[in-house]
Amino acid sequence: MLRSVFVNAGHVRSGWRFASFAIVVALLLVAAQTALSYIPATAPLIEHAKAGALSVNALLLLDGMGLAIVLAVTAIAARLERRSFAAFGLPRRSAFGARFWEGLLWGLAMAALDLGATWLLGGVSFEPPSASIAHVVGYGAAWALGFVLVGLFEELQYRGYALTALSEGIGFWPAAIVLGAMFGGIHLLNEHETVIGALNVVLYALFASFTLRRTGNLWFAIGIHAGWDYSQSFLYAVPNSGMSAQDHLFQANMHGPTWLTGGAAGPEGSLIGFVVLALAFVVFSRRFPYVTDKRESFLPTTPGAASPPKLE
């Protein structure tokens, strides 16, 4: 199988396309972040983010930059392969449509369920907002924009071109597992992330891949991603992948065992996170029992399947 993924005299195989995309994106992200760390105006934002303190300015800067890089590399790949962005899960005609907004509500609901269960079990308490209404509204809007960028950036990076290319060589679910493991592993670079938290991220990645498989594009997953992160960081002010956000709505106080609260990693480091994601799989499979738009069912199910046609 490894030979079929990488070696073929007739054309560039999926393994090389995937590897090229991953390496180019990684190098550009590292180079851009390194450059920002030497600029006096942005260096403090980078340092604080590395230490686990996330500001809305850092989020907008880093994930906006990341999204620009991934979009650019994906656009080049699409041009070389004569495909549209729809072939990689991001059809323009569905941009910020019903699937995105439904996914956003799912993300908000999943976070509320997770933290609601933690609260009922005595693992968290909340203090009311202390900032002014204008402050809350302003930062709420800024965080919302930031986490939409996060959802776009990370979903397109791990479940866009990379998943399409790799799945054409080894099949959809093996590719989803490989990329899910990479997605979870990269989270371990966060200052306060834990192994349990990273495993929860892997399970989320598989769920996001499942939503892609059933809906035909990434917009639902982008919405979930944005809603989940926004809830943790701004609404409830709990750690998110080991990072704590500044300028939030409520103030959460975590107390109890790590298995319940997730500790410094936040809710995704708790066992409740696994339960919520398992429930999400069940409910989503009933909500979307099959691919709803055959024109966007573009990912092959078996290794060596033919490349999909260009979709507009």
C-alpha atoms as a PDB file:
ATOM      1  CA  MET A   1       0.000   0.000   0.000  1.00  0.00           C
ATOM      2  CA  LEU A   2       2.841   2.401   0.834  1.00  0.00           C
ATOM      3  CA  ARG A   3       4.193   1.957  -2.690  1.00  0.00           C
ATOM      4  CA  SER A   4       0.797   2.717  -4.225  1.00  0.00           C
ATOM      5  CA  VAL A   5       0.525   5.877  -2.149  1.00  0.00           C
ATOM      6  CA  PHE A   6       3.931   7.278  -3.154  1.00  0.00           C
ATOM      7  CA  VAL A   7       5.157   5.574  -6.344  1.00  0.00           C
ATOM      8  CA  ASN A   8       3.620   5.831  -9.807  1.00  0.00           C
ATOM      9  CA  ALA A   9       5.371   6.718 -13.030  1.00  0.00           C
ATOM     10  CA  GLY A  10       2.328   8.338 -14.581  1.00  0.00           C
ATOM     11  CA  HIS A  11       1.447  11.080 -12.111  1.00  0.00           C
ATOM     12  CA  VAL A  12       2.119  12.509  -8.661  1.00  0.00           C
ATOM     13  CA  ARG A  13       0.660  10.139  -6.112  1.00  0.00           C
ATOM     14  CA  SER A  14      -1.467  11.196  -3.172  1.00  0.00           C
ATOM     15  CA  GLY A  15       1.282  10.558  -0.608  1.00  0.00           C
ATOM     16  CA  TRP A  16       3.620  13.084  -2.216  1.00  0.00           C
ATOM     17  CA  ARG A  17       0.836  15.623  -2.622  1.00  0.00           C
ATOM     18  CA  PHE A  18      -0.129  15.270   1.032  1.00  0.00           C
ATOM     19  CA  ALA A  19       3.488  15.411   2.223  1.00  0.00           C
ATOM     20  CA  SER A  20       4.255  18.454   0.069  1.00  0.00           C
ATOM     21  CA  PHE A  21       1.214  20.314   1.386  1.00  0.00           C
ATOM     22  CA  ALA A  22       1.963  19.453   5.024  1.00  0.00           C
ATOM     23  CA  ILE A  23       5.644  20.374   4.815  1.00  0.00           C
ATOM     24  CA  VAL A  24       5.101  23.662   2.972  1.00  0.00           C
ATOM     25  CA  VAL A  25       2.348  24.761   5.369  1.00  0.00           C
ATOM     26  CA  ALA A  26       4.403  23.792   8.430  1.00  0.00           C
ATOM     27  CA  LEU A  27       7.500  25.633   7.208  1.00  0.00           C
ATOM     28  CA  LEU A  28       5.539  28.780   6.366  1.00  0.00           C
ATOM     29  CA  LEU A  29       3.734  28.757   9.728  1.00  0.00           C
ATOM     30  CA  VAL A  30       6.994  28.362  11.656  1.00  0.00           C
ATOM     31  CA  ALA A  31       8.711  31.040   9.578  1.00  0.00           C
ATOM     32  CA  ALA A  32       5.851  33.511  10.002  1.00  0.00           C
ATOM     33  CA  GLN A  33       5.574  32.966  13.762  1.00  0.00           C
ATOM     34  CA  THR A  34       9.348  33.267  14.152  1.00  0.00           C
ATOM     35  CA  ALA A  35       9.321  36.531  12.236  1.00  0.00           C
ATOM     36  CA  LEU A  36       6.514  37.889  14.427  1.00  0.00           C
ATOM     37  CA  SER A  37       8.468  36.999  17.551  1.00  0.00           C
ATOM     38  CA  TYR A  38      11.220  39.435  16.483  1.00  0.00           C
ATOM     39  CA  ILE A  39       8.873  42.364  15.822  1.00  0.00           C
ATOM     40  CA  PRO A  40       8.576  44.554  18.950  1.00  0.00           C
ATOM     41  CA  ALA A  41       4.859  45.166  18.460  1.00  0.00           C
ATOM     42  CA  THR A  42       3.943  41.497  18.154  1.00  0.00           C
ATOM     43  CA  ALA A  43       6.651  39.733  20.190  1.00  0.00           C
ATOM     44  CA  PRO A  44       4.781  40.078  23.540  1.00  0.00           C
ATOM     45  CA  LEU A  45       1.651  38.552  22.015  1.00  0.00           C
ATOM     46  CA  ILE A  46       3.645  35.530  20.857  1.00  0.00           C
ATOM     47  CA  GLU A  47       5.404  35.131  24.208  1.00  0.00           C
ATOM     48  CA  HIS A  48       2.189  35.309  26.224  1.00  0.00           C
ATOM     49  CA  ALA A  49       0.445  32.847  23.902  1.00  0.00           C
ATOM     50  CA  LYS A  50       3.317  30.377  24.269  1.00  0.00           C
ATOM     51  CA  ALA A  51       2.963  30.703  28.051  1.00  0.00           C
ATOM     52  CA  GLY A  52      -0.740  29.840  27.849  1.00  0.00           C
ATOM     53  CA  ALA A  53      -2.222  33.360  28.128  1.00  0.00           C
ATOM     54  CA  LEU A  54      -4.273  34.097  25.023  1.00  0.00           C
ATOM     55  CA  SER A  55      -5.411  37.607  24.099  1.00  0.00           C
ATOM     56  CA  VAL A  56      -7.898  38.390  21.372  1.00  0.00           C
ATOM     57  CA  ASN A  57      -5.191  40.316  19.501  1.00  0.00           C
ATOM     58  CA  ALA A  58      -2.919  37.274  19.527  1.00  0.00           C
ATOM     59  CA  LEU A  59      -5.752  35.070  18.318  1.00  0.00           C
ATOM     60  CA  LEU A  60      -6.623  37.385  15.434  1.00  0.00           C
ATOM     61  CA  LEU A  61      -2.965  37.766  14.487  1.00  0.00           C
ATOM     62  CA  LEU A  62      -1.848  34.141  14.688  1.00  0.00           C
ATOM     63  CA  ASP A  63      -4.924  32.415  13.311  1.00  0.00           C
ATOM     64  CA  GLY A  64      -5.517  35.100  10.698  1.00  0.00           C
ATOM     65  CA  MET A  65      -1.947  34.569   9.547  1.00  0.00           C
ATOM     66  CA  GLY A  66      -2.370  30.794   9.670  1.00  0.00           C
ATOM     67  CA  LEU A  67      -5.575  30.931   7.654  1.00  0.00           C
ATOM     68  CA  ALA A  68      -3.947  33.145   5.011  1.00  0.00           C
ATOM     69  CA  ILE A  69      -1.084  30.653   4.646  1.00  0.00           C
ATOM     70  CA  VAL A  70      -3.337  27.595   4.397  1.00  0.00           C
ATOM     71  CA  LEU A  71      -5.663  29.337   1.947  1.00  0.00           C
ATOM     72  CA  ALA A  72      -2.728  30.356  -0.235  1.00  0.00           C
ATOM     73  CA  VAL A  73      -1.153  26.885  -0.309  1.00  0.00           C
ATOM     74  CA  THR A  74      -4.545  25.257  -0.913  1.00  0.00           C
ATOM     75  CA  ALA A  75      -5.243  27.705  -3.759  1.00  0.00           C
ATOM     76  CA  ILE A  76      -1.921  26.817  -5.398  1.00  0.00           C
ATOM     77  CA  ALA A  77      -2.664  23.101  -5.048  1.00  0.00           C
ATOM     78  CA  ALA A  78      -6.138  23.619  -6.474  1.00  0.00           C
ATOM     79  CA  ARG A  79      -4.703  25.511  -9.442  1.00  0.00           C
ATOM     80  CA  LEU A  80      -2.087  22.834 -10.122  1.00  0.00           C
ATOM     81  CA  GLU A  81      -4.669  20.048  -9.935  1.00  0.00           C
ATOM     82  CA  ARG A  82      -7.341  22.051 -11.770  1.00  0.00           C
ATOM     83  CA  ARG A  83      -9.871  21.742  -8.977  1.00  0.00           C
ATOM     84  CA  SER A  84     -11.976  24.224  -7.055  1.00  0.00           C
ATOM     85  CA  PHE A  85     -12.036  24.722  -3.279  1.00  0.00           C
ATOM     86  CA  ALA A  86     -15.214  22.626  -3.223  1.00  0.00           C
ATOM     87  CA  ALA A  87     -13.053  19.577  -3.948  1.00  0.00           C
ATOM     88  CA  PHE A  88     -11.352  20.187  -0.606  1.00  0.00           C
ATOM     89  CA  GLY A  89     -14.513  20.665   1.428  1.00  0.00           C
ATOM     90  CA  LEU A  90     -14.953  24.423   1.171  1.00  0.00           C
ATOM     91  CA  PRO A  91     -17.535  25.214  -1.548  1.00  0.00           C
ATOM     92  CA  ARG A  92     -18.057  28.943  -1.909  1.00  0.00           C
ATOM     93  CA  ARG A  93     -21.789  28.603  -2.516  1.00  0.00           C
ATOM     94  CA  SER A  94     -22.171  27.112   0.985  1.00  0.00           C
ATOM     95  CA  ALA A  95     -19.981  29.692   2.748  1.00  0.00           C
ATOM     96  CA  PHE A  96     -21.469  30.712   6.106  1.00  0.00           C
ATOM     97  CA  GLY A  97     -24.775  29.176   5.136  1.00  0.00           C
ATOM     98  CA  ALA A  98     -27.198  27.011   7.091  1.00  0.00           C
ATOM     99  CA  ARG A  99     -24.655  24.246   7.795  1.00  0.00           C
ATOM    100  CA  PHE A 100     -22.214  26.698   9.382  1.00  0.00           C
ATOM    101  CA  TRP A 101     -24.853  28.216  11.657  1.00  0.00           C
ATOM    102  CA  GLU A 102     -26.211  24.833  12.665  1.00  0.00           C
ATOM    103  CA  GLY A 103     -22.674  23.696  13.460  1.00  0.00           C
ATOM    104  CA  LEU A 104     -22.136  26.848  15.511  1.00  0.00           C
ATOM    105  CA  LEU A 105     -25.213  26.042  17.599  1.00  0.00           C
ATOM    106  CA  TRP A 106     -23.928  22.494  18.052  1.00  0.00           C
ATOM    107  CA  GLY A 107     -20.600  23.816  19.324  1.00  0.00           C
ATOM    108  CA  LEU A 108     -22.318  26.134  21.803  1.00  0.00           C
ATOM    109  CA  ALA A 109     -24.638  23.332  22.952  1.00  0.00           C
ATOM    110  CA  MET A 110     -21.814  20.801  23.365  1.00  0.00           C
ATOM    111  CA  ALA A 111     -19.826  23.223  25.518  1.00  0.00           C
ATOM    112  CA  ALA A 112     -22.918  24.032  27.601  1.00  0.00           C
ATOM    113  CA  LEU A 113     -23.601  20.313  28.084  1.00  0.00           C
ATOM    114  CA  ASP A 114     -19.990  19.624  29.078  1.00  0.00           C
ATOM    115  CA  LEU A 115     -19.745  22.468  31.573  1.00  0.00           C
ATOM    116  CA  GLY A 116     -23.308  21.962  32.777  1.00  0.00           C
ATOM    117  CA  ALA A 117     -22.478  18.381  33.711  1.00  0.00           C
ATOM    118  CA  THR A 118     -19.257  19.535  35.382  1.00  0.00           C
ATOM    119  CA  TRP A 119     -21.222  22.141  37.356  1.00  0.00           C
ATOM    120  CA  LEU A 120     -23.844  19.596  38.466  1.00  0.00           C
ATOM    121  CA  LEU A 121     -21.050  17.341  39.716  1.00  0.00           C
ATOM    122  CA  GLY A 122     -19.493  20.204  41.657  1.00  0.00           C
ATOM    123  CA  GLY A 123     -16.457  20.713  39.447  1.00  0.00           C
ATOM    124  CA  VAL A 124     -16.955  24.344  38.466  1.00  0.00           C
ATOM    125  CA  SER A 125     -18.656  27.502  39.670  1.00  0.00           C
ATOM    126  CA  PHE A 126     -19.120  30.821  37.906  1.00  0.00           C
ATOM    127  CA  GLU A 127     -18.883  34.445  38.945  1.00  0.00           C
ATOM    128  CA  PRO A 128     -21.076  36.995  37.115  1.00  0.00           C
ATOM    129  CA  PRO A 129     -19.569  39.463  34.638  1.00  0.00           C
ATOM    130  CA  SER A 130     -17.760  42.410  36.191  1.00  0.00           C
ATOM    131  CA  ALA A 131     -16.963  44.363  33.011  1.00  0.00           C
ATOM    132  CA  SER A 132     -19.208  46.986  31.427  1.00  0.00           C
ATOM    133  CA  ILE A 133     -21.737  46.049  28.760  1.00  0.00           C
ATOM    134  CA  ALA A 134     -19.757  47.922  26.107  1.00  0.00           C
ATOM    135  CA  HIS A 135     -16.591  46.048  27.076  1.00  0.00           C
ATOM    136  CA  VAL A 136     -18.354  42.676  26.979  1.00  0.00           C
ATOM    137  CA  VAL A 137     -20.017  43.364  23.627  1.00  0.00           C
ATOM    138  CA  GLY A 138     -16.800  44.638  22.052  1.00  0.00           C
ATOM    139  CA  TYR A 139     -14.660  41.741  23.176  1.00  0.00           C
ATOM    140  CA  GLY A 140     -17.444  39.269  22.513  1.00  0.00           C
ATOM    141  CA  ALA A 141     -17.540  40.337  18.867  1.00  0.00           C
ATOM    142  CA  ALA A 142     -13.750  40.277  18.560  1.00  0.00           C
ATOM    143  CA  TRP A 143     -13.483  36.785  20.086  1.00  0.00           C
ATOM    144  CA  ALA A 144     -16.285  35.590  17.792  1.00  0.00           C
ATOM    145  CA  LEU A 145     -14.363  36.766  14.719  1.00  0.00           C
ATOM    146  CA  GLY A 146     -11.174  35.236  16.080  1.00  0.00           C
ATOM    147  CA  PHE A 147     -12.686  31.812  16.644  1.00  0.00           C
ATOM    148  CA  VAL A 148     -14.316  31.765  13.227  1.00  0.00           C
ATOM    149  CA  LEU A 149     -10.777  32.266  11.895  1.00  0.00           C
ATOM    150  CA  VAL A 150      -9.621  29.388  14.127  1.00  0.00           C
ATOM    151  CA  GLY A 151     -12.334  27.118  12.767  1.00  0.00           C
ATOM    152  CA  LEU A 152     -11.535  28.002   9.165  1.00  0.00           C
ATOM    153  CA  PHE A 153      -7.779  27.706   9.655  1.00  0.00           C
ATOM    154  CA  GLU A 154      -7.648  24.394  11.509  1.00  0.00           C
ATOM    155  CA  GLU A 155     -10.441  22.624   9.643  1.00  0.00           C
ATOM    156  CA  LEU A 156      -9.007  23.577   6.253  1.00  0.00           C
ATOM    157  CA  GLN A 157      -5.482  22.671   7.351  1.00  0.00           C
ATOM    158  CA  TYR A 158      -6.306  19.207   8.694  1.00  0.00           C
ATOM    159  CA  ARG A 159      -9.521  18.236   6.923  1.00  0.00           C
ATOM    160  CA  GLY A 160      -9.242  20.148   3.656  1.00  0.00           C
ATOM    161  CA  TYR A 161      -6.617  19.438   1.017  1.00  0.00           C
ATOM    162  CA  ALA A 162      -4.583  17.189   3.337  1.00  0.00           C
ATOM    163  CA  LEU A 163      -7.493  14.841   4.018  1.00  0.00           C
ATOM    164  CA  THR A 164      -8.584  14.819   0.372  1.00  0.00           C
ATOM    165  CA  ALA A 165      -5.109  13.969  -0.909  1.00  0.00           C
ATOM    166  CA  LEU A 166      -4.287  11.329   1.696  1.00  0.00           C
ATOM    167  CA  SER A 167      -7.702   9.660   1.480  1.00  0.00           C
ATOM    168  CA  GLU A 168      -7.181   9.116  -2.253  1.00  0.00           C
ATOM    169  CA  GLY A 169      -4.221   6.905  -1.359  1.00  0.00           C
ATOM    170  CA  ILE A 170      -5.235   5.035   1.808  1.00  0.00           C
ATOM    171  CA  GLY A 171      -8.982   5.600   2.134  1.00  0.00           C
ATOM    172  CA  PHE A 172     -11.010   8.191   4.001  1.00  0.00           C
ATOM    173  CA  TRP A 173     -11.040   6.826   7.551  1.00  0.00           C
ATOM    174  CA  PRO A 174      -7.382   5.752   7.703  1.00  0.00           C
ATOM    175  CA  ALA A 175      -6.484   9.241   6.481  1.00  0.00           C
ATOM    176  CA  ALA A 176      -8.834  10.822   9.033  1.00  0.00           C
ATOM    177  CA  ILE A 177      -7.169   8.815  11.815  1.00  0.00           C
ATOM    178  CA  VAL A 178      -3.661   9.841  10.711  1.00  0.00           C
ATOM    179  CA  LEU A 179      -4.603  13.509  10.529  1.00  0.00           C
ATOM    180  CA  GLY A 180      -6.575  13.296  13.773  1.00  0.00           C
ATOM    181  CA  ALA A 181      -3.488  11.940  15.521  1.00  0.00           C
ATOM    182  CA  MET A 182      -1.429  14.797  14.062  1.00  0.00           C
ATOM    183  CA  PHE A 183      -4.058  17.325  15.182  1.00  0.00           C
ATOM    184  CA  GLY A 184      -4.042  15.943  18.719  1.00  0.00           C
ATOM    185  CA  GLY A 185      -0.263  15.725  18.807  1.00  0.00           C
ATOM    186  CA  ILE A 186       0.231  19.367  17.808  1.00  0.00           C
ATOM    187  CA  HIS A 187      -1.966  20.392  20.751  1.00  0.00           C
ATOM    188  CA  LEU A 188       0.584  18.859  23.125  1.00  0.00           C
ATOM    189  CA  LEU A 189       2.846  21.785  22.238  1.00  0.00           C
ATOM    190  CA  ASN A 190       0.469  24.052  24.203  1.00  0.00           C
ATOM    191  CA  GLU A 191       1.875  24.926  27.610  1.00  0.00           C
ATOM    192  CA  HIS A 192      -0.791  23.248  29.769  1.00  0.00           C
ATOM    193  CA  GLU A 193      -2.238  20.622  27.431  1.00  0.00           C
ATOM    194  CA  THR A 194      -2.398  17.023  28.718  1.00  0.00           C
ATOM    195  CA  VAL A 195      -2.410  13.580  27.116  1.00  0.00           C
ATOM    196  CA  ILE A 196      -6.105  13.173  27.965  1.00  0.00           C
ATOM    197  CA  GLY A 197      -6.783  16.556  26.409  1.00  0.00           C
ATOM    198  CA  ALA A 198      -4.911  15.580  23.258  1.00  0.00           C
ATOM    199  CA  LEU A 199      -6.877  12.326  23.028  1.00  0.00           C
ATOM    200  CA  ASN A 200     -10.092  14.317  23.305  1.00  0.00           C
ATOM    201  CA  VAL A 201      -8.829  16.481  20.437  1.00  0.00           C
ATOM    202  CA  VAL A 202      -8.199  13.338  18.365  1.00  0.00           C
ATOM    203  CA  LEU A 203     -11.770  12.183  19.028  1.00  0.00           C
ATOM    204  CA  TYR A 204     -13.062  15.620  18.060  1.00  0.00           C
ATOM    205  CA  ALA A 205     -11.036  15.415  14.828  1.00  0.00           C
ATOM    206  CA  LEU A 206     -12.727  12.122  13.978  1.00  0.00           C
ATOM    207  CA  PHE A 207     -16.106  13.669  14.734  1.00  0.00           C
ATOM    208  CA  ALA A 208     -15.311  16.634  12.480  1.00  0.00           C
ATOM    209  CA  SER A 209     -14.303  14.169   9.749  1.00  0.00           C
ATOM    210  CA  PHE A 210     -17.607  12.362  10.290  1.00  0.00           C
ATOM    211  CA  THR A 211     -19.523  15.609   9.783  1.00  0.00           C
ATOM    212  CA  LEU A 212     -17.565  16.196   6.580  1.00  0.00           C
ATOM    213  CA  ARG A 213     -18.444  12.710   5.384  1.00  0.00           C
ATOM    214  CA  ARG A 214     -22.148  13.135   6.093  1.00  0.00           C
ATOM    215  CA  THR A 215     -22.714  16.753   5.019  1.00  0.00           C
ATOM    216  CA  GLY A 216     -20.312  16.830   2.076  1.00  0.00           C
ATOM    217  CA  ASN A 217     -18.285  19.886   3.168  1.00  0.00           C
ATOM    218  CA  LEU A 218     -16.454  21.480   6.098  1.00  0.00           C
ATOM    219  CA  TRP A 219     -18.883  24.260   6.982  1.00  0.00           C
ATOM    220  CA  PHE A 220     -20.665  22.319   9.711  1.00  0.00           C
ATOM    221  CA  ALA A 221     -17.330  21.396  11.321  1.00  0.00           C
ATOM    222  CA  ILE A 222     -16.119  24.995  11.085  1.00  0.00           C
ATOM    223  CA  GLY A 223     -19.228  26.110  12.951  1.00  0.00           C
ATOM    224  CA  ILE A 224     -18.805  23.491  15.695  1.00  0.00           C
ATOM    225  CA  HIS A 225     -15.139  24.379  16.079  1.00  0.00           C
ATOM    226  CA  ALA A 226     -15.865  28.092  16.421  1.00  0.00           C
ATOM    227  CA  GLY A 227     -18.786  27.609  18.809  1.00  0.00           C
ATOM    228  CA  TRP A 228     -16.911  25.200  21.093  1.00  0.00           C
ATOM    229  CA  ASP A 229     -13.808  27.393  21.377  1.00  0.00           C
ATOM    230  CA  TYR A 230     -15.826  30.597  21.776  1.00  0.00           C
ATOM    231  CA  SER A 231     -17.840  29.084  24.603  1.00  0.00           C
ATOM    232  CA  GLN A 232     -14.813  27.904  26.535  1.00  0.00           C
ATOM    233  CA  SER A 233     -12.665  30.993  26.094  1.00  0.00           C
ATOM    234  CA  PHE A 234     -15.099  33.913  26.113  1.00  0.00           C
ATOM    235  CA  LEU A 235     -18.438  32.791  27.546  1.00  0.00           C
ATOM    236  CA  TYR A 236     -17.247  30.567  30.410  1.00  0.00           C
ATOM    237  CA  ALA A 237     -13.563  31.521  30.734  1.00  0.00           C
ATOM    238  CA  VAL A 238     -12.294  27.987  31.259  1.00  0.00           C
ATOM    239  CA  PRO A 239      -8.962  26.798  29.837  1.00  0.00           C
ATOM    240  CA  ASN A 240      -9.126  25.851  26.172  1.00  0.00           C
ATOM    241  CA  SER A 241      -6.479  23.335  25.079  1.00  0.00           C
ATOM    242  CA  GLY A 242      -4.366  24.523  28.007  1.00  0.00           C
ATOM    243  CA  MET A 243      -4.732  28.205  27.131  1.00  0.00           C
ATOM    244  CA  SER A 244      -6.601  30.798  29.202  1.00  0.00           C
ATOM    245  CA  ALA A 245      -8.270  33.744  27.477  1.00  0.00           C
ATOM    246  CA  GLN A 246      -8.206  37.324  28.648  1.00  0.00           C
ATOM    247  CA  ASP A 247     -11.282  39.606  28.564  1.00  0.00           C
ATOM    248  CA  HIS A 248     -14.181  37.186  28.962  1.00  0.00           C
ATOM    249  CA  LEU A 249     -17.799  37.122  30.110  1.00  0.00           C
ATOM    250  CA  PHE A 250     -18.090  34.922  33.202  1.00  0.00           C
ATOM    251  CA  GLN A 251     -15.246  33.920  35.494  1.00  0.00           C
ATOM    252  CA  ALA A 252     -15.028  30.168  36.070  1.00  0.00           C
ATOM    253  CA  ASN A 253     -13.533  28.611  39.190  1.00  0.00           C
ATOM    254  CA  MET A 254     -12.535  24.994  38.712  1.00  0.00           C
ATOM    255  CA  HIS A 255     -12.506  22.748  41.773  1.00  0.00           C
ATOM    256  CA  GLY A 256     -12.493  19.014  41.900  1.00  0.00           C
ATOM    257  CA  PRO A 257     -10.499  16.106  40.468  1.00  0.00           C
ATOM    258  CA  THR A 258      -8.795  16.478  37.117  1.00  0.00           C
ATOM    259  CA  TRP A 259     -10.883  13.706  35.567  1.00  0.00           C
ATOM    260  CA  LEU A 260     -13.916  15.937  36.154  1.00  0.00           C
ATOM    261  CA  THR A 261     -12.585  19.421  35.409  1.00  0.00           C
ATOM    262  CA  GLY A 262      -9.737  18.688  33.008  1.00  0.00           C
ATOM    263  CA  GLY A 263      -7.403  20.740  35.175  1.00  0.00           C
ATOM    264  CA  ALA A 264      -5.194  23.217  33.370  1.00  0.00           C
ATOM    265  CA  ALA A 265      -6.147  21.676  30.003  1.00  0.00           C
ATOM    266  CA  GLY A 266      -9.795  22.659  30.432  1.00  0.00           C
ATOM    267  CA  PRO A 267     -12.945  20.640  29.617  1.00  0.00           C
ATOM    268  CA  GLU A 268     -11.281  18.704  26.812  1.00  0.00           C
ATOM    269  CA  GLY A 269      -8.949  17.236  29.437  1.00  0.00           C
ATOM    270  CA  SER A 270     -11.854  15.701  31.377  1.00  0.00           C
ATOM    271  CA  LEU A 271     -13.634  12.391  30.950  1.00  0.00           C
ATOM    272  CA  ILE A 272     -16.871  14.298  30.412  1.00  0.00           C
ATOM    273  CA  GLY A 273     -15.435  15.527  27.119  1.00  0.00           C
ATOM    274  CA  PHE A 274     -15.316  11.947  25.812  1.00  0.00           C
ATOM    275  CA  VAL A 275     -18.938  11.376  26.849  1.00  0.00           C
ATOM    276  CA  VAL A 276     -20.127  14.571  25.129  1.00  0.00           C
ATOM    277  CA  LEU A 277     -18.314  13.689  21.904  1.00  0.00           C
ATOM    278  CA  ALA A 278     -19.654  10.116  21.971  1.00  0.00           C
ATOM    279  CA  LEU A 279     -23.166  11.516  22.371  1.00  0.00           C
ATOM    280  CA  ALA A 280     -22.486  13.954  19.510  1.00  0.00           C
ATOM    281  CA  PHE A 281     -21.604  11.038  17.205  1.00  0.00           C
ATOM    282  CA  VAL A 282     -24.915   9.327  17.996  1.00  0.00           C
ATOM    283  CA  VAL A 283     -27.109  12.413  17.635  1.00  0.00           C
ATOM    284  CA  PHE A 284     -25.339  13.592  14.489  1.00  0.00           C
ATOM    285  CA  SER A 285     -25.659  10.183  12.817  1.00  0.00           C
ATOM    286  CA  ARG A 286     -29.417  10.437  13.310  1.00  0.00           C
ATOM    287  CA  ARG A 287     -29.555  14.049  12.158  1.00  0.00           C
ATOM    288  CA  PHE A 288     -27.556  13.253   9.001  1.00  0.00           C
ATOM    289  CA  PRO A 289     -28.079   9.563   8.179  1.00  0.00           C
ATOM    290  CA  TYR A 290     -26.417   9.928   4.750  1.00  0.00           C
ATOM    291  CA  VAL A 291     -24.551  12.437   2.590  1.00  0.00           C
ATOM    292  CA  THR A 292     -27.101  15.133   1.860  1.00  0.00           C
ATOM    293  CA  ASP A 293     -25.573  16.460  -1.363  1.00  0.00           C
ATOM    294  CA  LYS A 294     -24.121  13.859  -3.710  1.00  0.00           C
ATOM    295  CA  ARG A 295     -22.340  16.555  -5.705  1.00  0.00           C
ATOM    296  CA  GLU A 296     -20.215  17.316  -2.650  1.00  0.00           C
ATOM    297  CA  SER A 297     -19.563  13.678  -1.721  1.00  0.00           C
ATOM    298  CA  PHE A 298     -16.087  14.006  -3.135  1.00  0.00           C
ATOM    299  CA  LEU A 299     -13.883  11.804  -0.955  1.00  0.00           C
ATOM    300  CA  PRO A 300     -13.096   8.259  -2.138  1.00  0.00           C
ATOM    301  CA  THR A 301     -13.918   5.417   0.239  1.00  0.00           C
ATOM    302  CA  THR A 302     -11.248   2.993  -0.933  1.00  0.00           C
ATOM    303  CA  PRO A 303      -7.494   3.297  -1.493  1.00  0.00           C
ATOM    304  CA  GLY A 304      -6.494   4.012  -5.047  1.00  0.00           C
ATOM    305  CA  ALA A 305      -9.881   5.414  -6.018  1.00  0.00           C
ATOM    306  CA  ALA A 306      -9.939   7.759  -8.963  1.00  0.00           C
ATOM    307  CA  SER A 307      -9.430  11.433  -8.347  1.00  0.00           C
ATOM    308  CA  PRO A 308     -12.708  13.336  -7.991  1.00  0.00           C
ATOM    309  CA  PRO A 309     -13.921  15.620 -10.746  1.00  0.00           C
ATOM    310  CA  LYS A 310     -13.660  19.348 -10.503  1.00  0.00           C
ATOM    311  CA  LEU A 311     -16.603  20.778  -8.572  1.00  0.00           C
ATOM    312  CA  GLU A 312     -17.909  24.283  -8.954  1.00  0.00           C
END
